[in-house]
Protein backbone atom coordinates (compact mmCIF):
# COMPACT_ATOMS: atom_id res chain seq x y z
CA UNK A 1 3.98 2.34 10.32
CA UNK A 2 4.71 4.25 13.44
CA UNK A 3 6.86 2.56 16.14
CA UNK A 4 6.05 1.85 19.63
CA UNK A 5 6.24 5.72 20.88
CA UNK A 6 5.78 4.51 24.64
CA UNK A 7 8.91 2.46 24.36
CA UNK A 8 11.32 5.92 23.79
CA UNK A 9 13.33 7.08 26.26
CA UNK A 10 14.26 10.23 25.89
CA UNK A 11 14.57 11.66 29.55
CA UNK A 12 15.97 9.81 32.61
CA UNK A 13 13.51 10.72 34.61
CA UNK A 14 11.41 7.75 32.93
CA UNK A 15 14.15 5.20 32.53
CA UNK A 16 13.96 3.62 36.03
CA UNK A 17 9.97 3.40 35.49
CA UNK A 18 10.02 1.74 31.75
CA UNK A 19 12.68 -0.81 32.63
CA UNK A 20 10.44 -2.35 35.24
CA UNK A 21 7.39 -2.40 33.25
CA UNK A 22 8.57 -2.21 29.64
CA UNK A 23 9.76 -5.52 27.65
CA UNK A 24 11.63 -2.80 25.02
CA UNK A 25 13.32 0.29 25.22
CA UNK A 26 14.18 2.77 22.50
CA UNK A 27 17.21 4.82 23.10
CA UNK A 28 17.99 8.00 21.10
CA UNK A 29 21.22 9.16 22.86
CA UNK A 30 19.49 12.11 24.23
CA UNK A 31 20.51 10.70 27.72
CA UNK A 32 23.67 11.97 28.23
CA UNK A 33 25.56 11.00 30.11
CA UNK A 34 24.24 7.70 31.75
CA UNK A 35 25.32 7.15 35.38
CA UNK A 36 27.02 3.84 35.94
CA UNK A 37 23.91 2.67 37.86
CA UNK A 38 21.95 3.17 34.38
CA UNK A 39 24.07 1.38 32.65
CA UNK A 40 24.29 -1.50 34.62
CA UNK A 41 20.41 -1.70 35.00
CA UNK A 42 20.27 -1.17 30.87
CA UNK A 43 22.89 -4.22 30.70
CA UNK A 44 20.78 -6.44 33.37
CA UNK A 45 18.02 -5.29 31.52
CA UNK A 46 19.18 -7.26 27.83
CA UNK A 47 20.73 -9.68 29.62
CA UNK A 48 17.45 -11.32 31.38
CA UNK A 49 15.62 -11.21 28.23
CA UNK A 50 14.68 -7.71 27.37
CA UNK A 51 15.39 -5.59 24.18
CA UNK A 52 16.82 -2.59 23.53
CA UNK A 53 16.73 -0.43 19.90
CA UNK A 54 19.43 2.23 19.81
CA UNK A 55 18.31 4.83 17.08
CA UNK A 56 19.72 7.86 15.71
CA UNK A 57 23.10 9.20 18.13
CA UNK A 58 22.73 6.61 20.23
CA UNK A 59 25.55 4.12 18.77
CA UNK A 60 28.03 7.18 18.57
CA UNK A 61 27.06 8.57 21.89
CA UNK A 62 27.39 5.52 24.10
CA UNK A 63 30.00 3.63 22.08
CA UNK A 64 32.66 4.99 24.69
CA UNK A 65 30.58 4.00 27.75
CA UNK A 66 32.08 1.18 29.80
CA UNK A 67 29.10 -1.04 30.02
CA UNK A 68 26.73 -0.07 27.46
CA UNK A 69 29.80 -0.70 24.73
CA UNK A 70 29.56 -4.55 25.86
CA UNK A 71 25.87 -3.97 24.49
CA UNK A 72 26.60 -2.44 21.34
CA UNK A 73 29.85 -4.67 20.60
CA UNK A 74 32.99 -2.67 19.43
CA UNK A 75 32.32 -0.19 16.59
CA UNK A 76 34.24 2.24 14.22
CA UNK A 77 32.26 4.68 11.96
CA UNK A 78 32.77 8.29 10.89
CA UNK A 79 30.08 11.06 10.71
CA UNK A 80 29.02 11.93 6.68
CA UNK A 81 27.84 15.38 6.20
CA UNK A 82 24.25 16.06 5.03
CA UNK A 83 23.85 14.54 1.86
CA UNK A 84 21.49 11.39 0.38
CA UNK A 85 22.24 8.04 1.85
CA UNK A 86 20.52 4.80 0.33
CA UNK A 87 20.04 2.13 2.49
CA UNK A 88 20.10 -1.25 1.25
CA UNK A 89 18.57 -4.63 3.32
CA UNK A 90 21.36 -6.95 3.80
CA UNK A 91 18.98 -10.46 3.78
CA UNK A 92 15.72 -10.21 2.01
CA UNK A 93 14.92 -13.03 4.66
CA UNK A 94 15.66 -11.84 7.85
CA UNK A 95 12.82 -10.81 9.89
CA UNK A 96 13.55 -6.82 9.97
CA UNK A 97 13.26 -7.07 6.06
CA UNK A 98 10.74 -9.68 5.18
CA UNK A 99 8.70 -8.03 2.87
CA UNK A 100 9.94 -4.75 2.90
CA UNK A 101 11.08 -2.42 0.11
CA UNK A 102 14.51 -3.54 -0.57
CA UNK A 103 16.11 0.18 -0.76
CA UNK A 104 15.23 3.71 0.15
CA UNK A 105 16.90 6.74 0.47
CA UNK A 106 17.14 9.57 2.95
CA UNK A 107 18.46 13.08 3.39
CA UNK A 108 20.57 13.34 6.62
CA UNK A 109 23.84 13.12 8.46
CA UNK A 110 24.88 9.63 9.41
CA UNK A 111 27.21 7.78 11.86
CA UNK A 112 28.31 5.31 9.17
CA UNK A 113 29.64 2.05 10.91
CA UNK A 114 33.20 0.65 9.45
CA UNK A 115 33.25 -1.76 11.81
CA UNK A 116 30.62 -3.66 14.07
CA UNK A 117 30.72 -6.59 16.42
CA UNK A 118 32.27 -10.34 14.79
CA UNK A 119 29.11 -11.81 16.27
CA UNK A 120 26.71 -8.63 14.68
CA UNK A 121 24.27 -9.64 11.80
CA UNK A 122 24.18 -6.44 9.54
CA UNK A 123 20.31 -5.94 8.23
CA UNK A 124 20.89 -2.40 6.43
CA UNK A 125 23.66 -1.24 4.54
CA UNK A 126 24.59 1.48 2.20
CA UNK A 127 27.78 2.61 0.06
CA UNK A 128 30.05 5.02 0.81
CA UNK A 129 32.77 5.64 -2.00
CA UNK A 130 33.29 2.23 -2.79
CA UNK A 131 33.26 1.33 0.90
CA UNK A 132 30.10 -1.03 2.33
CA UNK A 133 29.25 0.72 5.55
CA UNK A 134 26.46 -0.74 7.91
CA UNK A 135 23.68 1.49 8.98
CA UNK A 136 21.55 -1.41 10.97
CA UNK A 137 22.72 -4.46 12.87
CA UNK A 138 21.06 -6.79 15.37
CA UNK A 139 23.02 -8.86 18.25
CA UNK A 140 22.16 -10.95 21.17
CA UNK A 141 23.53 -10.84 24.49
CA UNK A 142 22.41 -12.78 27.45
CA UNK A 143 18.99 -14.05 27.02
CA UNK A 144 17.94 -10.44 25.09
CA UNK A 145 18.43 -8.94 22.17
CA UNK A 146 19.53 -5.42 20.66
CA UNK A 147 18.83 -3.43 17.65
CA UNK A 148 21.62 -0.76 16.61
CA UNK A 149 20.88 1.90 13.95
CA UNK A 150 22.52 4.55 13.32
CA UNK A 151 19.59 6.01 11.18
CA UNK A 152 16.73 8.49 12.78
CA UNK A 153 18.86 11.40 13.89
CA UNK A 154 16.65 13.70 12.26
CA UNK A 155 12.80 14.42 12.06
CA UNK A 156 12.78 13.98 8.94
CA UNK A 157 14.01 10.50 8.76
CA UNK A 158 12.11 9.50 11.89
CA UNK A 159 9.30 10.14 9.57
CA UNK A 160 10.00 8.27 6.68
CA UNK A 161 7.89 5.62 5.99
CA UNK A 162 10.55 2.93 5.51
CA UNK A 163 12.06 3.82 8.95
CA UNK A 164 9.32 3.74 10.76
CA UNK A 165 8.79 0.22 9.24
CA UNK A 166 12.28 -0.57 10.54
CA UNK A 167 11.57 0.64 13.86
CA UNK A 168 8.31 -1.28 14.29
CA UNK A 169 10.18 -4.61 13.23
CA UNK A 170 13.17 -4.05 15.25
CA UNK A 171 10.87 -3.41 18.15
CA UNK A 172 9.34 -6.91 17.48
CA UNK A 173 12.70 -8.65 16.92
CA UNK A 174 14.22 -7.78 19.94
CA UNK A 175 11.06 -8.44 22.27
CA UNK A 176 11.37 -12.14 21.43
CA UNK A 177 9.40 -12.57 18.30
CA UNK A 178 9.89 -15.75 17.28
CA UNK A 179 11.19 -15.44 13.37
CA UNK A 180 9.54 -17.98 11.83
CA UNK A 181 6.49 -17.76 10.23
CA UNK A 182 3.69 -20.43 8.86
CA UNK A 183 3.10 -20.11 5.03
CA UNK A 184 -0.12 -18.34 4.69
CA UNK A 185 -2.07 -20.77 1.89
CA UNK A 186 -4.63 -18.83 -0.44
CA UNK A 187 -7.62 -19.69 -2.26
CA UNK A 188 -8.98 -18.21 -5.16
CA UNK A 189 -12.93 -18.30 -6.11
CA UNK A 190 -13.55 -17.41 -9.62
CA UNK A 191 -10.40 -17.82 -11.95
CA UNK A 192 -10.94 -15.00 -14.64
CA UNK A 193 -8.94 -12.26 -16.42
CA UNK A 194 -7.04 -11.52 -13.17
CA UNK A 195 -6.57 -15.22 -12.07
CA UNK A 196 -3.05 -15.34 -13.48
CA UNK A 197 -1.60 -11.36 -11.65
CA UNK A 198 -3.32 -13.00 -8.59
CA UNK A 199 -1.01 -16.20 -8.76
CA UNK A 200 1.86 -14.61 -10.04
CA UNK A 201 2.13 -12.11 -7.33
CA UNK A 202 1.55 -14.61 -4.58
CA UNK A 203 4.42 -16.98 -5.79
CA UNK A 204 6.71 -13.95 -5.75
CA UNK A 205 5.71 -13.18 -2.25
CA UNK A 206 7.49 -14.69 0.94
CA UNK A 207 4.78 -16.06 3.27
CA UNK A 208 2.10 -16.73 0.87
CA UNK A 209 1.32 -20.01 -0.99
CA UNK A 210 -1.21 -20.22 -4.07
CA UNK A 211 -2.95 -23.69 -2.90
CA UNK A 212 -6.41 -23.94 -4.69
CA UNK A 213 -8.52 -22.56 -7.00
CA UNK A 214 -12.05 -22.93 -6.49
CA UNK A 215 -14.44 -22.02 -10.29
CA UNK A 216 -17.36 -23.56 -11.95
CA UNK A 217 -15.84 -23.79 -15.42
CA UNK A 218 -13.61 -26.73 -16.15
CA UNK A 219 -11.95 -25.21 -18.96
CA UNK A 220 -10.79 -22.13 -16.33
CA UNK A 221 -9.37 -24.60 -14.20
CA UNK A 222 -7.15 -25.86 -16.71
CA UNK A 223 -5.62 -22.93 -17.49
CA UNK A 224 -4.97 -22.45 -13.72
CA UNK A 225 -3.07 -25.60 -13.12
CA UNK A 226 -1.20 -25.19 -16.52
CA UNK A 227 -0.10 -21.75 -15.34
CA UNK A 228 0.48 -23.14 -11.80
CA UNK A 229 0.87 -26.87 -11.88
CA UNK A 230 1.10 -27.11 -7.78
CA UNK A 231 -2.29 -25.95 -7.35
CA UNK A 232 -5.41 -27.89 -6.09
CA UNK A 233 -8.88 -26.97 -8.33
CA UNK A 234 -12.67 -28.04 -7.10
CA UNK A 235 -15.88 -26.27 -8.19
CA UNK A 236 -17.93 -25.82 -5.48
CA UNK A 237 -17.22 -23.20 -2.79
CA UNK A 238 -18.12 -25.23 -0.17
CA UNK A 239 -14.89 -26.91 -0.42
CA UNK A 240 -13.20 -24.02 -0.13
CA UNK A 241 -14.47 -23.14 3.49
CA UNK A 242 -14.64 -26.42 4.62
CA UNK A 243 -10.36 -26.74 4.04
CA UNK A 244 -8.98 -26.01 7.48
CA UNK A 245 -5.94 -25.55 5.26
CA UNK A 246 -6.99 -22.15 3.89
CA UNK A 247 -5.85 -19.55 5.66
CA UNK A 248 -7.26 -16.69 2.88
CA UNK A 249 -9.52 -16.42 0.06
CA UNK A 250 -9.36 -13.81 -2.72
CA UNK A 251 -12.99 -13.39 -4.01
CA UNK A 252 -12.45 -12.81 -7.52
CA UNK A 253 -16.10 -13.29 -8.86
CA UNK A 254 -18.62 -10.83 -10.43
CA UNK A 255 -19.58 -7.99 -8.14
CA UNK A 256 -23.13 -8.67 -7.40
CA UNK A 257 -21.43 -12.03 -5.64
CA UNK A 258 -19.04 -10.48 -3.38
CA UNK A 259 -20.52 -9.73 -0.58
CA UNK A 260 -22.46 -13.17 -0.35
CA UNK A 261 -19.27 -15.25 -0.77
CA UNK A 262 -16.71 -12.82 0.80
CA UNK A 263 -19.04 -13.17 4.53
CA UNK A 264 -19.38 -17.37 3.49
CA UNK A 265 -15.77 -17.18 3.70
CA UNK A 266 -15.22 -15.09 6.98
CA UNK A 267 -18.16 -17.40 8.53
CA UNK A 268 -15.71 -20.27 7.80
CA UNK A 269 -13.08 -18.54 9.41
CA UNK A 270 -11.17 -17.24 6.01
CA UNK A 271 -9.33 -14.07 5.72
CA UNK A 272 -10.76 -12.61 2.60
CA UNK A 273 -9.58 -10.22 -0.07
CA UNK A 274 -12.27 -9.23 -2.52
CA UNK A 275 -11.55 -7.57 -6.11
CA UNK A 276 -13.31 -4.00 -6.33
CA UNK A 277 -15.63 -3.20 -6.19
CA UNK A 278 -15.93 -4.02 -2.50
CA UNK A 279 -19.44 -4.77 -2.67
CA UNK A 280 -22.71 -2.86 -4.32
CA UNK A 281 -24.32 -1.30 -1.30
CA UNK A 282 -23.09 0.70 1.90
CA UNK A 283 -25.38 -2.06 3.90
CA UNK A 284 -23.53 -4.74 2.25
CA UNK A 285 -19.89 -3.26 3.28
CA UNK A 286 -21.67 -2.69 6.93
CA UNK A 287 -22.17 -6.37 7.60
CA UNK A 288 -19.12 -7.39 5.48
CA UNK A 289 -17.24 -5.41 7.88
CA UNK A 290 -19.07 -5.93 11.17
CA UNK A 291 -18.59 -10.00 10.47
CA UNK A 292 -14.67 -9.70 9.94
CA UNK A 293 -14.29 -7.70 13.20
CA UNK A 294 -16.36 -10.40 14.75
CA UNK A 295 -14.45 -13.39 13.53
CA UNK A 296 -11.28 -11.52 13.88
CA UNK A 297 -10.30 -11.91 10.48
CA UNK A 298 -8.78 -9.47 8.05
CA UNK A 299 -10.71 -8.05 5.03
CA UNK A 300 -9.25 -5.99 2.70
CA UNK A 301 -10.05 -4.98 -0.99
CA UNK A 302 -7.65 -5.36 -4.20
CA UNK A 303 -6.85 -1.81 -5.04
CA UNK A 304 -4.06 -2.57 -7.08
CA UNK A 305 -4.04 0.72 -8.87
CA UNK A 306 -3.00 2.61 -5.65
CA UNK A 307 0.50 1.95 -6.69
CA UNK A 308 -0.04 3.25 -10.39
CA UNK A 309 3.27 5.09 -11.10
CA UNK A 310 0.78 8.83 -12.28
CA UNK A 311 -0.72 8.12 -8.93
CA UNK A 312 1.87 7.89 -7.17
CA UNK A 313 3.51 10.68 -8.70
CA UNK A 314 0.75 13.08 -7.84
CA UNK A 315 0.87 12.08 -4.25
CA UNK A 316 4.41 12.45 -3.93
CA UNK A 317 3.60 16.54 -5.24
CA UNK A 318 0.76 16.86 -3.05
CA UNK A 319 2.92 15.42 0.14
CA UNK A 320 5.77 18.31 -1.00
CA UNK A 321 3.40 20.69 -1.20
CA UNK A 322 4.06 21.77 -4.58
CA UNK A 323 0.88 23.20 -5.67
CA UNK A 324 -0.75 23.82 -2.38
CA UNK A 325 -3.93 22.29 -1.11
CA UNK A 326 -6.16 20.89 -3.75
CA UNK A 327 -9.52 22.61 -4.25
CA UNK A 328 -10.75 21.08 -7.57
CA UNK A 329 -10.34 17.63 -9.15
CA UNK A 330 -11.42 16.49 -12.52
CA UNK A 331 -10.70 12.91 -14.17
CA UNK A 332 -11.51 11.37 -17.48
CA UNK A 333 -11.41 7.83 -18.58
CA UNK A 334 -12.90 6.47 -22.02
CA UNK A 335 -13.53 7.24 -25.20
CA UNK A 336 -15.84 6.49 -28.34
CA UNK A 337 -15.74 2.65 -28.41
CA UNK A 338 -18.41 -0.40 -28.27
CA UNK A 339 -18.32 -1.95 -24.56
CA UNK A 340 -17.45 -5.40 -23.87
CA UNK A 341 -20.36 -8.06 -24.20
CA UNK A 342 -19.41 -9.29 -21.05
CA UNK A 343 -20.50 -9.32 -17.30
CA UNK A 344 -18.78 -5.54 -16.86
CA UNK A 345 -21.29 -4.09 -19.17
CA UNK A 346 -24.62 -5.55 -17.71
CA UNK A 347 -25.59 -3.19 -14.66
CA UNK A 348 -27.44 -5.99 -12.19
CA UNK A 349 -24.04 -8.04 -12.29
CA UNK A 350 -21.45 -5.02 -12.37
CA UNK A 351 -23.35 -2.69 -10.68
CA UNK A 352 -22.90 -0.21 -13.50
CA UNK A 353 -20.84 1.99 -14.86
CA UNK A 354 -19.98 3.80 -11.77
CA UNK A 355 -18.88 0.97 -10.13
CA UNK A 356 -15.92 -0.14 -13.17
CA UNK A 357 -13.41 2.50 -13.45
CA UNK A 358 -15.23 4.37 -10.57
CA UNK A 359 -13.99 2.03 -8.30
CA UNK A 360 -10.19 3.16 -8.57
CA UNK A 361 -10.82 6.49 -9.80
CA UNK A 362 -13.34 7.36 -6.79
CA UNK A 363 -10.81 5.46 -4.57
CA UNK A 364 -8.27 7.84 -5.97
CA UNK A 365 -10.21 10.86 -5.64
CA UNK A 366 -11.27 9.83 -1.74
CA UNK A 367 -7.57 9.43 -0.95
CA UNK A 368 -6.12 12.53 -2.24
CA UNK A 369 -9.24 14.74 -0.72
CA UNK A 370 -9.53 12.98 2.58
CA UNK A 371 -12.07 15.81 4.06
CA UNK A 372 -15.68 14.04 4.53
CA UNK A 373 -17.73 13.90 1.55
CA UNK A 374 -21.03 16.08 2.03
CA UNK A 375 -23.00 16.06 -1.15
CA UNK A 376 -23.19 13.63 -4.43
CA UNK A 377 -24.86 13.79 -7.72
CA UNK A 378 -24.80 11.32 -10.28
CA UNK A 379 -25.67 11.57 -13.94
CA UNK A 380 -26.16 8.83 -16.90
CA UNK A 381 -26.57 8.83 -20.48
CA UNK A 382 -27.86 6.06 -22.37
CA UNK A 383 -28.21 7.20 -26.07
CA UNK A 384 -26.11 4.49 -28.26
CA UNK A 385 -25.11 1.36 -26.98
CA UNK A 386 -28.52 -0.33 -26.25
CA UNK A 387 -27.63 -3.73 -26.28
CA UNK A 388 -25.63 -3.44 -23.05
CA UNK A 389 -27.44 -2.21 -20.09
CA UNK A 390 -24.56 -0.39 -18.84
CA UNK A 391 -24.95 3.57 -18.88
CA UNK A 392 -22.83 4.83 -22.28
CA UNK A 393 -21.77 7.89 -19.78
CA UNK A 394 -21.71 8.23 -16.10
CA UNK A 395 -20.64 11.38 -14.43
CA UNK A 396 -20.35 12.15 -10.71
CA UNK A 397 -19.58 15.39 -8.76
CA UNK A 398 -18.73 15.54 -5.12
CA UNK A 399 -18.23 18.03 -2.65
CA UNK A 400 -16.15 17.99 0.38
CA UNK A 401 -16.81 19.06 4.10
CA UNK A 402 -13.70 21.45 3.09
CA UNK A 403 -15.31 23.21 0.22
CA UNK A 404 -13.20 21.15 -2.40
CA UNK A 405 -15.37 19.91 -5.35
CA UNK A 406 -14.05 17.08 -7.81
CA UNK A 407 -15.53 15.02 -10.84
CA UNK A 408 -14.92 11.86 -12.36
CA UNK A 409 -16.42 10.81 -16.02
CA UNK A 410 -16.33 7.42 -17.52
CA UNK A 411 -17.44 7.46 -21.25
CA UNK A 412 -17.74 5.18 -24.15
CA UNK A 413 -19.24 7.93 -26.00
CA UNK A 414 -16.72 10.36 -26.17
CA UNK A 415 -15.16 11.47 -29.11
CA UNK A 416 -12.59 13.51 -27.81
CA UNK A 417 -11.01 12.85 -24.79
CA UNK A 418 -10.51 15.19 -21.64
CA UNK A 419 -7.12 14.86 -19.61
CA UNK A 420 -7.03 11.65 -17.39
CA UNK A 421 -6.81 14.34 -14.66
CA UNK A 422 -6.79 18.19 -13.87
CA UNK A 423 -6.30 19.27 -10.21
CA UNK A 424 -6.08 22.31 -9.57
CA UNK A 425 -4.33 23.42 -5.87
CA UNK A 426 -3.72 26.76 -4.34
CA UNK A 427 -0.81 27.24 -5.72
CA UNK A 428 -0.69 24.94 -8.90
CA UNK A 429 -1.74 22.51 -10.92
CA UNK A 430 -1.51 19.12 -12.16
CA UNK A 431 -2.60 17.87 -15.69
CA UNK A 432 -2.62 14.42 -16.78
CA UNK A 433 -2.58 13.92 -20.55
CA UNK A 434 -3.56 10.93 -22.54
CA UNK A 435 -0.65 9.38 -24.67
CA UNK A 436 -1.63 7.74 -27.97
CA UNK A 437 0.52 4.95 -28.31
CA UNK A 438 0.52 1.99 -30.91
CA UNK A 439 1.97 -1.22 -31.02
CA UNK A 440 4.14 -1.88 -33.99
CA UNK A 441 5.05 -5.46 -35.42
CA UNK A 442 4.94 -6.84 -39.10
CA UNK A 443 3.29 -9.25 -41.21
CA UNK A 444 5.29 -12.14 -42.91
CA UNK A 445 5.18 -10.53 -46.21
CA UNK A 446 7.14 -7.28 -44.26
CA UNK A 447 3.94 -5.28 -44.25
CA UNK A 448 3.73 -2.65 -41.13
CA UNK A 449 1.15 -3.53 -38.80
CA UNK A 450 0.06 -0.44 -36.04
CA UNK A 451 -2.43 -1.39 -33.23
CA UNK A 452 -3.28 1.49 -31.43
CA UNK A 453 -3.85 1.08 -27.80
CA UNK A 454 -6.70 1.99 -25.60
CA UNK A 455 -5.92 5.33 -23.95
CA UNK A 456 -6.08 3.43 -20.48
CA UNK A 457 -3.04 0.64 -21.73
CA UNK A 458 -0.63 3.56 -21.23
CA UNK A 459 0.31 5.94 -18.66
CA UNK A 460 -0.66 9.51 -19.25
CA UNK A 461 1.93 12.31 -19.57
CA UNK A 462 1.73 14.54 -16.06
CA UNK A 463 2.35 17.84 -16.23
CA UNK A 464 2.85 20.48 -13.14
CA UNK A 465 1.78 23.85 -13.22
CA UNK A 466 3.38 26.25 -10.65
CA UNK A 467 3.17 30.05 -10.34
CA UNK A 468 6.16 32.44 -9.95
CA UNK A 469 6.65 35.47 -7.64
CA UNK A 470 6.72 37.56 -10.69
CA UNK A 471 3.76 36.11 -12.14
CA UNK A 472 5.05 33.09 -15.18
CA UNK A 473 3.60 29.68 -14.77
CA UNK A 474 6.22 27.68 -14.76
CA UNK A 475 5.30 24.01 -16.90
CA UNK A 476 6.96 20.80 -15.92
CA UNK A 477 6.82 17.19 -17.10
CA UNK A 478 7.24 14.86 -14.72
CA UNK A 479 9.34 11.43 -14.73
CA UNK A 480 7.01 8.94 -12.98
CA UNK A 481 8.32 6.92 -10.23
CA UNK A 482 8.44 2.83 -10.99
CA UNK A 483 5.78 0.74 -9.88
CA UNK A 484 6.72 -1.22 -6.59
CA UNK A 485 6.48 -4.72 -6.86
CA UNK A 486 3.56 -6.89 -5.57
CA UNK A 487 2.88 -3.95 -2.77
CA UNK A 488 -0.16 -5.08 -2.63
CA UNK A 489 0.43 -8.76 -1.75
CA UNK A 490 3.44 -7.88 0.59
CA UNK A 491 1.69 -5.60 2.54
CA UNK A 492 -1.19 -8.12 3.07
CA UNK A 493 1.42 -10.81 4.03
CA UNK A 494 3.24 -8.07 6.57
CA UNK A 495 -0.17 -7.70 8.20
CA UNK A 496 -1.05 -11.47 8.55
CA UNK A 497 2.26 -12.17 9.81
CA UNK A 498 3.33 -9.09 11.76
CA UNK A 499 0.07 -7.02 12.42
CA UNK A 500 1.29 -4.32 10.57
CA UNK A 501 -1.60 -2.00 8.77
CA UNK A 502 -3.59 -2.76 6.08
CA UNK A 503 -2.86 -0.50 2.78
CA UNK A 504 -6.60 -0.82 1.97
CA UNK A 505 -8.83 -0.77 5.29
CA UNK A 506 -12.12 -2.26 4.53
CA UNK A 507 -13.32 1.58 6.22
CA UNK A 508 -11.87 3.00 3.04
CA UNK A 509 -13.50 1.21 0.48
CA UNK A 510 -16.97 1.54 2.41
CA UNK A 511 -16.72 4.86 1.61
CA UNK A 512 -15.95 4.61 -1.85
CA UNK A 513 -19.15 2.18 -1.86
CA UNK A 514 -21.35 4.97 -0.09
CA UNK A 515 -20.32 7.30 -2.77
CA UNK A 516 -20.96 4.83 -6.02
CA UNK A 517 -24.33 4.03 -4.10
CA UNK A 518 -25.36 7.65 -3.68
CA UNK A 519 -24.38 8.50 -7.40
CA UNK A 520 -26.19 5.57 -8.57
CA UNK A 521 -29.38 6.77 -6.89
CA UNK A 522 -28.75 10.37 -7.47
CA UNK A 523 -28.78 9.35 -11.45
CA UNK A 524 -32.08 7.62 -11.17
CA UNK A 525 -33.32 10.36 -9.67
CA UNK A 526 -32.51 12.56 -12.84
CA UNK A 527 -29.18 14.20 -11.02
CA UNK A 528 -30.65 15.08 -7.91
CA UNK A 529 -27.84 15.98 -4.77
CA UNK A 530 -27.95 13.38 -2.30
CA UNK A 531 -26.37 14.46 0.91
CA UNK A 532 -24.40 12.19 2.61
CA UNK A 533 -21.70 12.10 5.39
CA UNK A 534 -18.87 9.64 5.01
């Protein structure tokens, strides 16, 4: 989330004009020296209700100035060598640190503050040789506020997502934002297998409240009340739409109802989170997005697997350029087993195999290769499981504007598994091999029970292959990063309370639907290539 670049003052020529037109200024210490008149103007600016964010070298450069030292307060610190610094939020309920990742690491030279003003509030700290040092603090001055952080001296730190989020929050804070927030009351329509997961996450995220569950099945409502005693329940969706105390609705019903229910709730003035898939057709997606824009309400899709550790690890490898630009990608999920007999296996309700795991896998692929999709080809097989209407196996083949190609296979008749991930880059490759895990317990008699997990129930082993100058291929097993806690729900709350960008904007989900819909049409036409621009 980028901070407001128009508030950054890096030259003397813009300082006077920005003082007259902006409510918030950002100083990085690059204007040296400041004249006495400039210092007086800055102090008066804050004293009369303005806000200043000091970043990077500003504290070190200005702490000795005659008047700016009054704004900053008495400071004492020291410079570190270039090394890893781990920032830790001091108070998880502070406006600037609410619902953010509580720690983040940067590699930089940093001016650590051993002493900050007695009336200042430390926001971010780090530990240096067993001593707690301040990285960021807030302070009031007259009718205004200041925020000071010694992070951000280097471009790499300024580009870090957590630093960007810090500065955006700090700009809002010193601009006079109300630090109190009204809780967003959440209703869920359809309390299925995912209901407990949603409720647990909502209860864990400040600023959200799990308030109401709607389901036509009284037994499921009883389960919801048992797990979440404070919620209300109902069996009629119209009650949810009419309830003015409900701000946001999670649509967790079968896919063929997502569009109609989401539009009903948007028209009732609710923000909407749809379970995946977003809907079944591109036309439905366009109508939903247009309605959300007209109603000025948030619309997003619960793409929870964007925070799976193997996908996060692949993103990190791509960002580092380890294997170079991707030009070929294959993904796979499945095995040889009878599909479930629930609605997931009934195409008129589920949309078909493309819309099941494909909602996640295609979303991953479209994020890793953001170039426009130029063509789609889909192939389906119906050979073994004739008692269900979904295809036994479905394949999607994509061609991108940059020449990249990608494929996804979901199979319930694959006696031998392909890798989960097979990614080729110009300088290396990534392969994700399925792990074959078992859960071991004992019977009352002491006999061993071994239950083999489905491949999708455990994370893959992820390998990176790189090419050396001497022609050798190096193979490295990656340690997967931990999955962040409740990342989707924290982002959702931050969007609703602070206007931070949605992690899953509806336009991205619309692109996913366009690909799946085209793949379905292609399969119905015998695998004919569908030209697509999305």
